PDB file of all heavy atoms in Angstrom:
ATOM      1  N   GLU A   1     -28.042   7.643  -6.919  1.00  0.00           N
ATOM      2  CA  GLU A   1     -28.519   6.397  -6.302  1.00  0.00           C
ATOM      3  C   GLU A   1     -27.547   5.815  -5.281  1.00  0.00           C
ATOM      4  O   GLU A   1     -27.959   5.281  -4.261  1.00  0.00           O
ATOM      5  CB  GLU A   1     -28.803   5.347  -7.378  1.00  0.00           C
ATOM      6  CG  GLU A   1     -29.331   4.052  -6.775  1.00  0.00           C
ATOM      7  CD  GLU A   1     -29.811   3.051  -7.802  1.00  0.00           C
ATOM      8  OE1 GLU A   1     -29.432   3.173  -8.973  1.00  0.00           O
ATOM      9  OE2 GLU A   1     -30.575   2.151  -7.421  1.00  0.00           O
ATOM     10  N   GLU A   2     -26.246   5.889  -5.549  1.00  0.00           N
ATOM     11  CA  GLU A   2     -25.293   5.156  -4.731  1.00  0.00           C
ATOM     12  C   GLU A   2     -24.658   6.028  -3.644  1.00  0.00           C
ATOM     13  O   GLU A   2     -24.703   7.256  -3.694  1.00  0.00           O
ATOM     14  CB  GLU A   2     -24.191   4.551  -5.610  1.00  0.00           C
ATOM     15  CG  GLU A   2     -24.703   3.690  -6.751  1.00  0.00           C
ATOM     16  CD  GLU A   2     -25.589   2.535  -6.317  1.00  0.00           C
ATOM     17  OE1 GLU A   2     -25.574   2.164  -5.126  1.00  0.00           O
ATOM     18  OE2 GLU A   2     -26.318   2.002  -7.165  1.00  0.00           O
ATOM     19  N   ALA A   3     -24.042   5.359  -2.666  1.00  0.00           N
ATOM     20  CA  ALA A   3     -23.246   5.996  -1.624  1.00  0.00           C
ATOM     21  C   ALA A   3     -22.024   5.123  -1.383  1.00  0.00           C
ATOM     22  O   ALA A   3     -22.027   3.925  -1.689  1.00  0.00           O
ATOM     23  CB  ALA A   3     -24.057   6.152  -0.342  1.00  0.00           C
ATOM     24  N   ALA A   4     -20.972   5.719  -0.844  1.00  0.00           N
ATOM     25  CA  ALA A   4     -19.695   5.002  -0.716  1.00  0.00           C
ATOM     26  C   ALA A   4     -19.557   4.251   0.596  1.00  0.00           C
ATOM     27  O   ALA A   4     -18.516   3.629   0.837  1.00  0.00           O
ATOM     28  CB  ALA A   4     -18.542   5.991  -0.870  1.00  0.00           C
ATOM     29  N   ASP A   5     -20.580   4.269   1.441  1.00  0.00           N
ATOM     30  CA  ASP A   5     -20.462   3.661   2.767  1.00  0.00           C
ATOM     31  C   ASP A   5     -19.973   2.220   2.708  1.00  0.00           C
ATOM     32  O   ASP A   5     -19.075   1.818   3.469  1.00  0.00           O
ATOM     33  CB  ASP A   5     -21.812   3.705   3.491  1.00  0.00           C
ATOM     34  CG  ASP A   5     -22.243   5.124   3.810  1.00  0.00           C
ATOM     35  OD1 ASP A   5     -21.407   6.043   3.661  1.00  0.00           O
ATOM     36  OD2 ASP A   5     -23.412   5.318   4.205  1.00  0.00           O
ATOM     37  N   GLU A   6     -20.561   1.435   1.803  1.00  0.00           N
ATOM     38  CA  GLU A   6     -20.213   0.017   1.759  1.00  0.00           C
ATOM     39  C   GLU A   6     -18.797  -0.203   1.241  1.00  0.00           C
ATOM     40  O   GLU A   6     -18.176  -1.225   1.550  1.00  0.00           O
ATOM     41  CB  GLU A   6     -21.246  -0.736   0.918  1.00  0.00           C
ATOM     42  CG  GLU A   6     -22.616  -0.741   1.603  1.00  0.00           C
ATOM     43  CD  GLU A   6     -23.710  -1.316   0.732  1.00  0.00           C
ATOM     44  OE1 GLU A   6     -23.421  -2.222  -0.055  1.00  0.00           O
ATOM     45  OE2 GLU A   6     -24.858  -0.852   0.861  1.00  0.00           O
ATOM     46  N   LEU A   7     -18.286   0.738   0.470  1.00  0.00           N
ATOM     47  CA  LEU A   7     -16.906   0.601  -0.004  1.00  0.00           C
ATOM     48  C   LEU A   7     -15.903   0.861   1.113  1.00  0.00           C
ATOM     49  O   LEU A   7     -14.737   0.465   1.008  1.00  0.00           O
ATOM     50  CB  LEU A   7     -16.647   1.576  -1.158  1.00  0.00           C
ATOM     51  CG  LEU A   7     -17.415   1.306  -2.448  1.00  0.00           C
ATOM     52  CD1 LEU A   7     -17.061   2.346  -3.499  1.00  0.00           C
ATOM     53  CD2 LEU A   7     -17.127  -0.098  -2.978  1.00  0.00           C
ATOM     54  N   ARG A   8     -16.334   1.516   2.181  1.00  0.00           N
ATOM     55  CA  ARG A   8     -15.448   1.760   3.323  1.00  0.00           C
ATOM     56  C   ARG A   8     -15.372   0.548   4.240  1.00  0.00           C
ATOM     57  O   ARG A   8     -14.553   0.505   5.158  1.00  0.00           O
ATOM     58  CB  ARG A   8     -15.925   2.985   4.100  1.00  0.00           C
ATOM     59  CG  ARG A   8     -15.796   4.288   3.298  1.00  0.00           C
ATOM     60  CD  ARG A   8     -16.150   5.514   4.142  1.00  0.00           C
ATOM     61  NE  ARG A   8     -15.871   6.736   3.395  1.00  0.00           N
ATOM     62  CZ  ARG A   8     -16.761   7.377   2.643  1.00  0.00           C
ATOM     63  NH1 ARG A   8     -18.000   6.896   2.546  1.00  0.00           N
ATOM     64  NH2 ARG A   8     -16.424   8.471   2.005  1.00  0.00           N
ATOM     65  N   ASN A   9     -16.240  -0.427   4.018  1.00  0.00           N
ATOM     66  CA  ASN A   9     -16.226  -1.671   4.780  1.00  0.00           C
ATOM     67  C   ASN A   9     -15.037  -2.520   4.327  1.00  0.00           C
ATOM     68  O   ASN A   9     -14.857  -2.771   3.134  1.00  0.00           O
ATOM     69  CB  ASN A   9     -17.541  -2.418   4.546  1.00  0.00           C
ATOM     70  CG  ASN A   9     -17.697  -3.638   5.413  1.00  0.00           C
ATOM     71  OD1 ASN A   9     -16.718  -4.299   5.766  1.00  0.00           O
ATOM     72  ND2 ASN A   9     -18.943  -3.961   5.737  1.00  0.00           N
ATOM     73  N   ALA A  10     -14.230  -2.968   5.265  1.00  0.00           N
ATOM     74  CA  ALA A  10     -13.030  -3.743   4.930  1.00  0.00           C
ATOM     75  C   ALA A  10     -13.371  -4.988   4.126  1.00  0.00           C
ATOM     76  O   ALA A  10     -12.561  -5.443   3.303  1.00  0.00           O
ATOM     77  CB  ALA A  10     -12.283  -4.123   6.206  1.00  0.00           C
ATOM     78  N   ALA A  11     -14.570  -5.528   4.329  1.00  0.00           N
ATOM     79  CA  ALA A  11     -14.969  -6.731   3.595  1.00  0.00           C
ATOM     80  C   ALA A  11     -15.121  -6.471   2.101  1.00  0.00           C
ATOM     81  O   ALA A  11     -15.098  -7.408   1.302  1.00  0.00           O
ATOM     82  CB  ALA A  11     -16.278  -7.277   4.171  1.00  0.00           C
ATOM     83  N   ASN A  12     -15.281  -5.202   1.732  1.00  0.00           N
ATOM     84  CA  ASN A  12     -15.465  -4.851   0.324  1.00  0.00           C
ATOM     85  C   ASN A  12     -14.232  -4.170  -0.268  1.00  0.00           C
ATOM     86  O   ASN A  12     -14.331  -3.458  -1.270  1.00  0.00           O
ATOM     87  CB  ASN A  12     -16.686  -3.939   0.171  1.00  0.00           C
ATOM     88  CG  ASN A  12     -17.973  -4.620   0.578  1.00  0.00           C
ATOM     89  OD1 ASN A  12     -18.168  -5.803   0.308  1.00  0.00           O
ATOM     90  ND2 ASN A  12     -18.857  -3.884   1.223  1.00  0.00           N
ATOM     91  N   ALA A  13     -13.080  -4.422   0.332  1.00  0.00           N
ATOM     92  CA  ALA A  13     -11.849  -3.765  -0.111  1.00  0.00           C
ATOM     93  C   ALA A  13     -11.507  -4.107  -1.556  1.00  0.00           C
ATOM     94  O   ALA A  13     -11.004  -3.257  -2.303  1.00  0.00           O
ATOM     95  CB  ALA A  13     -10.693  -4.153   0.809  1.00  0.00           C
ATOM     96  N   THR A  14     -11.799  -5.330  -1.994  1.00  0.00           N
ATOM     97  CA  THR A  14     -11.478  -5.717  -3.370  1.00  0.00           C
ATOM     98  C   THR A  14     -12.283  -4.896  -4.366  1.00  0.00           C
ATOM     99  O   THR A  14     -11.752  -4.410  -5.371  1.00  0.00           O
ATOM    100  CB  THR A  14     -11.764  -7.215  -3.583  1.00  0.00           C
ATOM    101  OG1 THR A  14     -10.931  -7.978  -2.703  1.00  0.00           O
ATOM    102  CG2 THR A  14     -11.462  -7.627  -5.019  1.00  0.00           C
ATOM    103  N   VAL A  15     -13.574  -4.732  -4.085  1.00  0.00           N
ATOM    104  CA  VAL A  15     -14.418  -3.919  -4.968  1.00  0.00           C
ATOM    105  C   VAL A  15     -13.950  -2.470  -4.945  1.00  0.00           C
ATOM    106  O   VAL A  15     -13.832  -1.820  -5.989  1.00  0.00           O
ATOM    107  CB  VAL A  15     -15.900  -4.029  -4.561  1.00  0.00           C
ATOM    108  CG1 VAL A  15     -16.751  -3.060  -5.367  1.00  0.00           C
ATOM    109  CG2 VAL A  15     -16.399  -5.458  -4.756  1.00  0.00           C
ATOM    110  N   ARG A  16     -13.671  -1.948  -3.745  1.00  0.00           N
ATOM    111  CA  ARG A  16     -13.201  -0.553  -3.638  1.00  0.00           C
ATOM    112  C   ARG A  16     -11.926  -0.338  -4.448  1.00  0.00           C
ATOM    113  O   ARG A  16     -11.798   0.652  -5.182  1.00  0.00           O
ATOM    114  CB  ARG A  16     -12.934  -0.196  -2.175  1.00  0.00           C
ATOM    115  CG  ARG A  16     -12.451   1.253  -1.991  1.00  0.00           C
ATOM    116  CD  ARG A  16     -12.012   1.516  -0.562  1.00  0.00           C
ATOM    117  NE  ARG A  16     -10.861   0.701  -0.205  1.00  0.00           N
ATOM    118  CZ  ARG A  16     -10.792  -0.097   0.855  1.00  0.00           C
ATOM    119  NH1 ARG A  16     -11.831  -0.208   1.670  1.00  0.00           N
ATOM    120  NH2 ARG A  16      -9.703  -0.798   1.097  1.00  0.00           N
ATOM    121  N   ASP A  17     -10.989  -1.259  -4.343  1.00  0.00           N
ATOM    122  CA  ASP A  17      -9.728  -1.111  -5.064  1.00  0.00           C
ATOM    123  C   ASP A  17      -9.945  -1.111  -6.574  1.00  0.00           C
ATOM    124  O   ASP A  17      -9.269  -0.385  -7.311  1.00  0.00           O
ATOM    125  CB  ASP A  17      -8.762  -2.222  -4.674  1.00  0.00           C
ATOM    126  CG  ASP A  17      -8.269  -2.090  -3.232  1.00  0.00           C
ATOM    127  OD1 ASP A  17      -8.467  -1.011  -2.639  1.00  0.00           O
ATOM    128  OD2 ASP A  17      -7.708  -3.072  -2.707  1.00  0.00           O
ATOM    129  N   LYS A  18     -10.897  -1.922  -7.038  1.00  0.00           N
ATOM    130  CA  LYS A  18     -11.180  -1.944  -8.478  1.00  0.00           C
ATOM    131  C   LYS A  18     -11.834  -0.638  -8.929  1.00  0.00           C
ATOM    132  O   LYS A  18     -11.541  -0.137 -10.016  1.00  0.00           O
ATOM    133  CB  LYS A  18     -12.074  -3.141  -8.824  1.00  0.00           C
ATOM    134  CG  LYS A  18     -11.347  -4.477  -8.760  1.00  0.00           C
ATOM    135  CD  LYS A  18     -12.215  -5.609  -9.281  1.00  0.00           C
ATOM    136  CE  LYS A  18     -11.433  -6.920  -9.290  1.00  0.00           C
ATOM    137  NZ  LYS A  18     -12.217  -8.030  -9.873  1.00  0.00           N
ATOM    138  N   VAL A  19     -12.712  -0.088  -8.094  1.00  0.00           N
ATOM    139  CA  VAL A  19     -13.323   1.196  -8.424  1.00  0.00           C
ATOM    140  C   VAL A  19     -12.243   2.264  -8.572  1.00  0.00           C
ATOM    141  O   VAL A  19     -12.217   3.016  -9.554  1.00  0.00           O
ATOM    142  CB  VAL A  19     -14.343   1.612  -7.339  1.00  0.00           C
ATOM    143  CG1 VAL A  19     -14.837   3.039  -7.591  1.00  0.00           C
ATOM    144  CG2 VAL A  19     -15.511   0.645  -7.291  1.00  0.00           C
ATOM    145  N   VAL A  20     -11.357   2.318  -7.599  1.00  0.00           N
ATOM    146  CA  VAL A  20     -10.272   3.308  -7.634  1.00  0.00           C
ATOM    147  C   VAL A  20      -9.393   3.089  -8.859  1.00  0.00           C
ATOM    148  O   VAL A  20      -8.968   4.049  -9.530  1.00  0.00           O
ATOM    149  CB  VAL A  20      -9.438   3.246  -6.341  1.00  0.00           C
ATOM    150  CG1 VAL A  20      -8.219   4.172  -6.441  1.00  0.00           C
ATOM    151  CG2 VAL A  20     -10.294   3.618  -5.138  1.00  0.00           C
ATOM    152  N   GLN A  21      -9.147   1.848  -9.203  1.00  0.00           N
ATOM    153  CA  GLN A  21      -8.318   1.530 -10.367  1.00  0.00           C
ATOM    154  C   GLN A  21      -8.944   2.098 -11.652  1.00  0.00           C
ATOM    155  O   GLN A  21      -8.256   2.747 -12.443  1.00  0.00           O
ATOM    156  CB  GLN A  21      -8.160   0.019 -10.487  1.00  0.00           C
ATOM    157  CG  GLN A  21      -7.434  -0.446 -11.744  1.00  0.00           C
ATOM    158  CD  GLN A  21      -7.490  -1.961 -11.910  1.00  0.00           C
ATOM    159  OE1 GLN A  21      -7.682  -2.701 -10.944  1.00  0.00           O
ATOM    160  NE2 GLN A  21      -7.345  -2.429 -13.135  1.00  0.00           N
ATOM    161  N   TYR A  22     -10.236   1.876 -11.837  1.00  0.00           N
ATOM    162  CA  TYR A  22     -10.892   2.357 -13.057  1.00  0.00           C
ATOM    163  C   TYR A  22     -10.960   3.882 -13.093  1.00  0.00           C
ATOM    164  O   TYR A  22     -10.758   4.499 -14.143  1.00  0.00           O
ATOM    165  CB  TYR A  22     -12.298   1.766 -13.177  1.00  0.00           C
ATOM    166  CG  TYR A  22     -12.316   0.366 -13.746  1.00  0.00           C
ATOM    167  CD1 TYR A  22     -12.506  -0.743 -12.922  1.00  0.00           C
ATOM    168  CD2 TYR A  22     -12.142   0.148 -15.107  1.00  0.00           C
ATOM    169  CE1 TYR A  22     -12.523  -2.034 -13.445  1.00  0.00           C
ATOM    170  CE2 TYR A  22     -12.160  -1.134 -15.640  1.00  0.00           C
ATOM    171  CZ  TYR A  22     -12.344  -2.221 -14.803  1.00  0.00           C
ATOM    172  OH  TYR A  22     -12.351  -3.495 -15.329  1.00  0.00           O
ATOM    173  N   VAL A  23     -11.250   4.493 -11.960  1.00  0.00           N
ATOM    174  CA  VAL A  23     -11.372   5.948 -11.930  1.00  0.00           C
ATOM    175  C   VAL A  23     -10.004   6.608 -12.102  1.00  0.00           C
ATOM    176  O   VAL A  23      -9.860   7.573 -12.868  1.00  0.00           O
ATOM    177  CB  VAL A  23     -12.043   6.409 -10.622  1.00  0.00           C
ATOM    178  CG1 VAL A  23     -12.034   7.938 -10.526  1.00  0.00           C
ATOM    179  CG2 VAL A  23     -13.472   5.888 -10.545  1.00  0.00           C
ATOM    180  N   SER A  24      -8.993   6.093 -11.418  1.00  0.00           N
ATOM    181  CA  SER A  24      -7.671   6.715 -11.490  1.00  0.00           C
ATOM    182  C   SER A  24      -7.037   6.557 -12.864  1.00  0.00           C
ATOM    183  O   SER A  24      -6.161   7.341 -13.248  1.00  0.00           O
ATOM    184  CB  SER A  24      -6.744   6.145 -10.411  1.00  0.00           C
ATOM    185  OG  SER A  24      -6.553   4.748 -10.594  1.00  0.00           O
ATOM    186  N   ALA A  25      -7.481   5.567 -13.639  1.00  0.00           N
ATOM    187  CA  ALA A  25      -6.968   5.426 -15.005  1.00  0.00           C
ATOM    188  C   ALA A  25      -7.352   6.630 -15.854  1.00  0.00           C
ATOM    189  O   ALA A  25      -6.651   6.994 -16.802  1.00  0.00           O
ATOM    190  CB  ALA A  25      -7.506   4.147 -15.631  1.00  0.00           C
ATOM    191  N   LEU A  26      -8.476   7.272 -15.515  1.00  0.00           N
ATOM    192  CA  LEU A  26      -8.938   8.464 -16.231  1.00  0.00           C
ATOM    193  C   LEU A  26      -8.647   9.752 -15.470  1.00  0.00           C
ATOM    194  O   LEU A  26      -8.674  10.837 -16.057  1.00  0.00           O
ATOM    195  CB  LEU A  26     -10.450   8.360 -16.476  1.00  0.00           C
ATOM    196  CG  LEU A  26     -10.876   7.204 -17.387  1.00  0.00           C
ATOM    197  CD1 LEU A  26     -12.389   7.060 -17.370  1.00  0.00           C
ATOM    198  CD2 LEU A  26     -10.389   7.423 -18.803  1.00  0.00           C
ATOM    199  N   CYS A  27      -8.389   9.621 -14.182  1.00  0.00           N
ATOM    200  CA  CYS A  27      -8.086  10.785 -13.327  1.00  0.00           C
ATOM    201  C   CYS A  27      -6.785  10.486 -12.595  1.00  0.00           C
ATOM    202  O   CYS A  27      -6.806  10.102 -11.408  1.00  0.00           O
ATOM    203  CB  CYS A  27      -9.209  11.034 -12.330  1.00  0.00           C
ATOM    204  SG  CYS A  27     -10.843  11.154 -13.062  1.00  0.00           S
ATOM    205  N   PRO A  28      -5.647  10.609 -13.274  1.00  0.00           N
ATOM    206  CA  PRO A  28      -4.361  10.227 -12.688  1.00  0.00           C
ATOM    207  C   PRO A  28      -4.125  10.886 -11.331  1.00  0.00           C
ATOM    208  O   PRO A  28      -4.388  12.076 -11.144  1.00  0.00           O
ATOM    209  CB  PRO A  28      -3.342  10.722 -13.725  1.00  0.00           C
ATOM    210  CG  PRO A  28      -4.105  10.714 -15.014  1.00  0.00           C
ATOM    211  CD  PRO A  28      -5.505  11.110 -14.651  1.00  0.00           C
ATOM    212  N   GLY A  29      -3.667  10.072 -10.397  1.00  0.00           N
ATOM    213  CA  GLY A  29      -3.374  10.572  -9.062  1.00  0.00           C
ATOM    214  C   GLY A  29      -4.537  10.482  -8.102  1.00  0.00           C
ATOM    215  O   GLY A  29      -4.372  10.731  -6.897  1.00  0.00           O
ATOM    216  N   ALA A  30      -5.733  10.113  -8.591  1.00  0.00           N
ATOM    217  CA  ALA A  30      -6.900  10.010  -7.707  1.00  0.00           C
ATOM    218  C   ALA A  30      -6.742   8.816  -6.775  1.00  0.00           C
ATOM    219  O   ALA A  30      -6.580   7.685  -7.223  1.00  0.00           O
ATOM    220  CB  ALA A  30      -8.175   9.876  -8.527  1.00  0.00           C
ATOM    221  N   GLY A  31      -6.786   9.065  -5.489  1.00  0.00           N
ATOM    222  CA  GLY A  31      -6.693   7.995  -4.509  1.00  0.00           C
ATOM    223  C   GLY A  31      -8.059   7.596  -3.993  1.00  0.00           C
ATOM    224  O   GLY A  31      -9.098   8.171  -4.387  1.00  0.00           O
ATOM    225  N   ALA A  32      -8.059   6.638  -3.083  1.00  0.00           N
ATOM    226  CA  ALA A  32      -9.326   6.111  -2.581  1.00  0.00           C
ATOM    227  C   ALA A  32     -10.159   7.189  -1.905  1.00  0.00           C
ATOM    228  O   ALA A  32     -11.377   7.261  -2.104  1.00  0.00           O
ATOM    229  CB  ALA A  32      -9.061   4.963  -1.620  1.00  0.00           C
ATOM    230  N   ASP A  33      -9.526   8.052  -1.106  1.00  0.00           N
ATOM    231  CA  ASP A  33     -10.294   9.077  -0.395  1.00  0.00           C
ATOM    232  C   ASP A  33     -11.021   9.999  -1.367  1.00  0.00           C
ATOM    233  O   ASP A  33     -12.199  10.308  -1.177  1.00  0.00           O
ATOM    234  CB  ASP A  33      -9.368   9.902   0.509  1.00  0.00           C
ATOM    235  CG  ASP A  33      -8.892   9.119   1.722  1.00  0.00           C
ATOM    236  OD1 ASP A  33      -9.496   8.064   2.025  1.00  0.00           O
ATOM    237  OD2 ASP A  33      -7.916   9.555   2.363  1.00  0.00           O
ATOM    238  N   ALA A  34     -10.338  10.433  -2.412  1.00  0.00           N
ATOM    239  CA  ALA A  34     -10.957  11.332  -3.387  1.00  0.00           C
ATOM    240  C   ALA A  34     -12.098  10.641  -4.123  1.00  0.00           C
ATOM    241  O   ALA A  34     -13.178  11.223  -4.315  1.00  0.00           O
ATOM    242  CB  ALA A  34      -9.916  11.825  -4.382  1.00  0.00           C
ATOM    243  N   VAL A  35     -11.879   9.399  -4.534  1.00  0.00           N
ATOM    244  CA  VAL A  35     -12.911   8.664  -5.272  1.00  0.00           C
ATOM    245  C   VAL A  35     -14.157   8.469  -4.418  1.00  0.00           C
ATOM    246  O   VAL A  35     -15.290   8.672  -4.888  1.00  0.00           O
ATOM    247  CB  VAL A  35     -12.367   7.311  -5.766  1.00  0.00           C
ATOM    248  CG1 VAL A  35     -13.482   6.460  -6.360  1.00  0.00           C
ATOM    249  CG2 VAL A  35     -11.255   7.528  -6.796  1.00  0.00           C
ATOM    250  N   LEU A  36     -13.972   8.102  -3.152  1.00  0.00           N
ATOM    251  CA  LEU A  36     -15.124   7.910  -2.270  1.00  0.00           C
ATOM    252  C   LEU A  36     -15.853   9.232  -2.026  1.00  0.00           C
ATOM    253  O   LEU A  36     -17.085   9.264  -1.938  1.00  0.00           O
ATOM    254  CB  LEU A  36     -14.678   7.300  -0.945  1.00  0.00           C
ATOM    255  CG  LEU A  36     -14.047   5.897  -1.022  1.00  0.00           C
ATOM    256  CD1 LEU A  36     -13.739   5.374   0.367  1.00  0.00           C
ATOM    257  CD2 LEU A  36     -14.928   4.922  -1.766  1.00  0.00           C
ATOM    258  N   GLN A  37     -15.112  10.335  -1.923  1.00  0.00           N
ATOM    259  CA  GLN A  37     -15.752  11.643  -1.758  1.00  0.00           C
ATOM    260  C   GLN A  37     -16.561  12.028  -2.988  1.00  0.00           C
ATOM    261  O   GLN A  37     -17.642  12.618  -2.870  1.00  0.00           O
ATOM    262  CB  GLN A  37     -14.688  12.699  -1.457  1.00  0.00           C
ATOM    263  CG  GLN A  37     -14.100  12.590  -0.056  1.00  0.00           C
ATOM    264  CD  GLN A  37     -12.926  13.536   0.163  1.00  0.00           C
ATOM    265  OE1 GLN A  37     -12.669  14.427  -0.644  1.00  0.00           O
ATOM    266  NE2 GLN A  37     -12.209  13.338   1.265  1.00  0.00           N
ATOM    267  N   TRP A  38     -16.053  11.716  -4.166  1.00  0.00           N
ATOM    268  CA  TRP A  38     -16.811  12.011  -5.389  1.00  0.00           C
ATOM    269  C   TRP A  38     -18.111  11.222  -5.419  1.00  0.00           C
ATOM    270  O   TRP A  38     -19.163  11.750  -5.778  1.00  0.00           O
ATOM    271  CB  TRP A  38     -15.974  11.715  -6.630  1.00  0.00           C
ATOM    272  CG  TRP A  38     -14.804  12.628  -6.792  1.00  0.00           C
ATOM    273  CD1 TRP A  38     -14.685  13.908  -6.332  1.00  0.00           C
ATOM    274  CD2 TRP A  38     -13.559  12.327  -7.442  1.00  0.00           C
ATOM    275  NE1 TRP A  38     -13.446  14.422  -6.664  1.00  0.00           N
ATOM    276  CE2 TRP A  38     -12.736  13.480  -7.345  1.00  0.00           C
ATOM    277  CE3 TRP A  38     -13.059  11.207  -8.097  1.00  0.00           C
ATOM    278  CZ2 TRP A  38     -11.457  13.538  -7.883  1.00  0.00           C
ATOM    279  CZ3 TRP A  38     -11.775  11.249  -8.636  1.00  0.00           C
ATOM    280  CH2 TRP A  38     -10.988  12.405  -8.531  1.00  0.00           C
ATOM    281  N   ILE A  39     -18.037   9.941  -5.038  1.00  0.00           N
ATOM    282  CA  ILE A  39     -19.257   9.133  -4.986  1.00  0.00           C
ATOM    283  C   ILE A  39     -20.254   9.755  -4.012  1.00  0.00           C
ATOM    284  O   ILE A  39     -21.444   9.909  -4.324  1.00  0.00           O
ATOM    285  CB  ILE A  39     -18.938   7.682  -4.578  1.00  0.00           C
ATOM    286  CG1 ILE A  39     -18.100   6.989  -5.656  1.00  0.00           C
ATOM    287  CG2 ILE A  39     -20.230   6.894  -4.317  1.00  0.00           C
ATOM    288  CD1 ILE A  39     -17.515   5.658  -5.228  1.00  0.00           C
ATOM    289  N   ASP A  40     -19.777  10.148  -2.843  1.00  0.00           N
ATOM    290  CA  ASP A  40     -20.667  10.698  -1.820  1.00  0.00           C
ATOM    291  C   ASP A  40     -21.183  12.089  -2.156  1.00  0.00           C
ATOM    292  O   ASP A  40     -22.127  12.569  -1.513  1.00  0.00           O
ATOM    293  CB  ASP A  40     -19.956  10.717  -0.463  1.00  0.00           C
ATOM    294  CG  ASP A  40     -19.943   9.347   0.200  1.00  0.00           C
ATOM    295  OD1 ASP A  40     -20.792   8.514  -0.170  1.00  0.00           O
ATOM    296  OD2 ASP A  40     -19.098   9.120   1.075  1.00  0.00           O
ATOM    297  N   HIS A  41     -20.602  12.733  -3.157  1.00  0.00           N
ATOM    298  CA  HIS A  41     -21.148  14.017  -3.611  1.00  0.00           C
ATOM    299  C   HIS A  41     -22.560  13.825  -4.151  1.00  0.00           C
ATOM    300  O   HIS A  41     -23.342  14.787  -4.222  1.00  0.00           O
ATOM    301  CB  HIS A  41     -20.249  14.617  -4.705  1.00  0.00           C
ATOM    302  CG  HIS A  41     -20.682  15.975  -5.165  1.00  0.00           C
ATOM    303  ND1 HIS A  41     -20.766  17.066  -4.320  1.00  0.00           N
ATOM    304  CD2 HIS A  41     -21.089  16.434  -6.392  1.00  0.00           C
ATOM    305  CE1 HIS A  41     -21.178  18.128  -4.990  1.00  0.00           C
ATOM    306  NE2 HIS A  41     -21.393  17.765  -6.246  1.00  0.00           N
ATOM    307  N   GLY A  42     -22.904  12.592  -4.485  1.00  0.00           N
ATOM    308  CA  GLY A  42     -24.255  12.294  -4.964  1.00  0.00           C
ATOM    309  C   GLY A  42     -25.273  12.095  -3.860  1.00  0.00           C
ATOM    310  O   GLY A  42     -26.416  11.718  -4.133  1.00  0.00           O
TER     311      GLY A  42
END
Protein backbone atom coordinates (compact mmCIF):
# COMPACT_ATOMS: atom_id res chain seq x y z
CA GLU A 1 0.00 0.00 0.00
CA GLU A 2 2.66 2.54 0.95
CA ALA A 3 5.51 4.33 -0.83
CA ALA A 4 8.41 6.31 0.61
CA ASP A 5 7.96 9.43 -1.54
CA GLU A 6 6.41 11.50 1.23
CA LEU A 7 9.15 10.53 3.66
CA ARG A 8 11.68 12.12 1.29
CA ASN A 9 9.87 15.45 1.70
CA ALA A 10 11.83 17.67 4.11
CA ALA A 11 8.56 18.63 5.79
CA ASN A 12 8.17 15.03 6.95
CA ALA A 13 11.71 14.62 8.29
CA THR A 14 10.46 14.00 11.85
CA VAL A 15 8.28 11.09 10.75
CA ARG A 16 11.08 9.71 8.55
CA ASP A 17 13.56 9.84 11.41
CA LYS A 18 11.16 7.95 13.68
CA VAL A 19 10.63 5.28 11.03
CA VAL A 20 14.38 4.81 10.70
CA GLN A 21 14.71 4.70 14.48
CA TYR A 22 12.20 1.86 14.85
CA VAL A 23 13.56 -0.13 11.92
CA SER A 24 17.23 0.28 12.84
CA ALA A 25 16.49 -0.93 16.38
CA LEU A 26 15.78 -4.33 14.78
CA CYS A 27 18.17 -3.99 11.83
CA PRO A 28 21.34 -2.46 13.32
CA GLY A 29 23.18 -0.17 10.95
CA ALA A 30 20.16 0.47 8.70
CA GLY A 31 20.21 4.07 7.55
CA ALA A 32 17.55 6.22 5.98
CA ASP A 33 18.45 5.28 2.40
CA ALA A 34 18.15 1.55 3.08
CA VAL A 35 14.88 1.92 4.98
CA LEU A 36 13.30 4.02 2.23
CA GLN A 37 14.45 1.49 -0.39
CA TRP A 38 12.85 -1.35 1.57
CA ILE A 39 9.58 0.58 1.71
CA ASP A 40 9.73 1.23 -2.03
CA HIS A 41 10.31 -2.47 -2.70
CA GLY A 42 6.54 -2.67 -2.19
